[in-house]
Amino acid sequence: MVNYQMNEGIRYIRYTGKGQKVYKLPVHPTAGYYVDEYVKWMEKIGRKISDEDF
């Protein structure tokens, strides 16, 4: 989850491309919703998500 960030209300996936250039790819709101639901579900069953899981 290190590369999954929110900036000004928009969720982004940050990645490093060719030439060490850092890119921020916006995440569709529906996809962001389901990622949040997945994280909540994992916490509910007792599996904490750490920063290095994704």
C-alpha atoms as a PDB file:
ATOM      1  CA  MET A   1       0.000   0.000   0.000  1.00  0.00           C
ATOM      2  CA  VAL A   2       3.055   2.232  -0.069  1.00  0.00           C
ATOM      3  CA  ASN A   3       2.398   3.199  -3.685  1.00  0.00           C
ATOM      4  CA  TYR A   4      -1.364   3.668  -3.208  1.00  0.00           C
ATOM      5  CA  GLN A   5      -1.830   7.281  -2.106  1.00  0.00           C
ATOM      6  CA  MET A   6      -4.422  10.028  -1.971  1.00  0.00           C
ATOM      7  CA  ASN A   7      -3.703  13.587  -3.046  1.00  0.00           C
ATOM      8  CA  GLU A   8      -6.388  16.309  -3.040  1.00  0.00           C
ATOM      9  CA  GLY A   9      -9.164  13.707  -2.875  1.00  0.00           C
ATOM     10  CA  ILE A  10      -7.871  11.671  -5.824  1.00  0.00           C
ATOM     11  CA  ARG A  11      -6.315   8.245  -5.324  1.00  0.00           C
ATOM     12  CA  TYR A  12      -3.111   7.476  -7.206  1.00  0.00           C
ATOM     13  CA  ILE A  13      -0.802   4.570  -7.785  1.00  0.00           C
ATOM     14  CA  ARG A  14       2.776   5.820  -7.848  1.00  0.00           C
ATOM     15  CA  TYR A  15       5.411   3.893  -9.777  1.00  0.00           C
ATOM     16  CA  THR A  16       8.929   4.417 -11.054  1.00  0.00           C
ATOM     17  CA  GLY A  17       9.350   4.078 -14.777  1.00  0.00           C
ATOM     18  CA  LYS A  18      12.203   3.985 -17.213  1.00  0.00           C
ATOM     19  CA  GLY A  19      14.968   6.425 -16.364  1.00  0.00           C
ATOM     20  CA  GLN A  20      13.850   6.517 -12.708  1.00  0.00           C
ATOM     21  CA  LYS A  21      11.022   8.904 -13.570  1.00  0.00           C
ATOM     22  CA  VAL A  22       8.198   8.785 -11.010  1.00  0.00           C
ATOM     23  CA  TYR A  23       4.672   8.546 -12.416  1.00  0.00           C
ATOM     24  CA  LYS A  24       1.322   8.946 -10.681  1.00  0.00           C
ATOM     25  CA  LEU A  25      -1.550   7.032 -12.263  1.00  0.00           C
ATOM     26  CA  PRO A  26      -5.052   8.060 -11.105  1.00  0.00           C
ATOM     27  CA  VAL A  27      -7.264   5.244  -9.855  1.00  0.00           C
ATOM     28  CA  HIS A  28     -10.876   5.049 -11.017  1.00  0.00           C
ATOM     29  CA  PRO A  29     -13.242   5.868  -8.106  1.00  0.00           C
ATOM     30  CA  THR A  30     -14.969   2.482  -8.359  1.00  0.00           C
ATOM     31  CA  ALA A  31     -11.649   0.644  -8.166  1.00  0.00           C
ATOM     32  CA  GLY A  32     -10.647   2.785  -5.179  1.00  0.00           C
ATOM     33  CA  TYR A  33     -13.913   1.886  -3.449  1.00  0.00           C
ATOM     34  CA  TYR A  34     -13.302  -1.838  -3.878  1.00  0.00           C
ATOM     35  CA  VAL A  35      -9.699  -1.562  -2.678  1.00  0.00           C
ATOM     36  CA  ASP A  36     -10.982   0.165   0.475  1.00  0.00           C
ATOM     37  CA  GLU A  37     -13.645  -2.527   0.933  1.00  0.00           C
ATOM     38  CA  TYR A  38     -10.996  -5.235   0.569  1.00  0.00           C
ATOM     39  CA  VAL A  39      -8.804  -3.579   3.214  1.00  0.00           C
ATOM     40  CA  LYS A  40     -11.781  -3.321   5.601  1.00  0.00           C
ATOM     41  CA  TRP A  41     -12.629  -6.982   5.011  1.00  0.00           C
ATOM     42  CA  MET A  42      -9.048  -8.073   5.665  1.00  0.00           C
ATOM     43  CA  GLU A  43      -9.013  -6.123   8.950  1.00  0.00           C
ATOM     44  CA  LYS A  44     -12.380  -7.649   9.895  1.00  0.00           C
ATOM     45  CA  ILE A  45     -11.042 -11.192   9.531  1.00  0.00           C
ATOM     46  CA  GLY A  46      -7.968 -10.292  11.568  1.00  0.00           C
ATOM     47  CA  ARG A  47      -5.400  -9.828   8.793  1.00  0.00           C
ATOM     48  CA  LYS A  48      -3.827  -6.396   8.976  1.00  0.00           C
ATOM     49  CA  ILE A  49      -2.549  -5.001   5.694  1.00  0.00           C
ATOM     50  CA  SER A  50       1.005  -3.701   5.936  1.00  0.00           C
ATOM     51  CA  ASP A  51       2.651  -1.177   3.646  1.00  0.00           C
ATOM     52  CA  GLU A  52       4.600  -3.858   1.798  1.00  0.00           C
ATOM     53  CA  ASP A  53       1.612  -6.106   0.931  1.00  0.00           C
ATOM     54  CA  PHE A  54       0.993  -4.625  -2.499  1.00  0.00           C
END
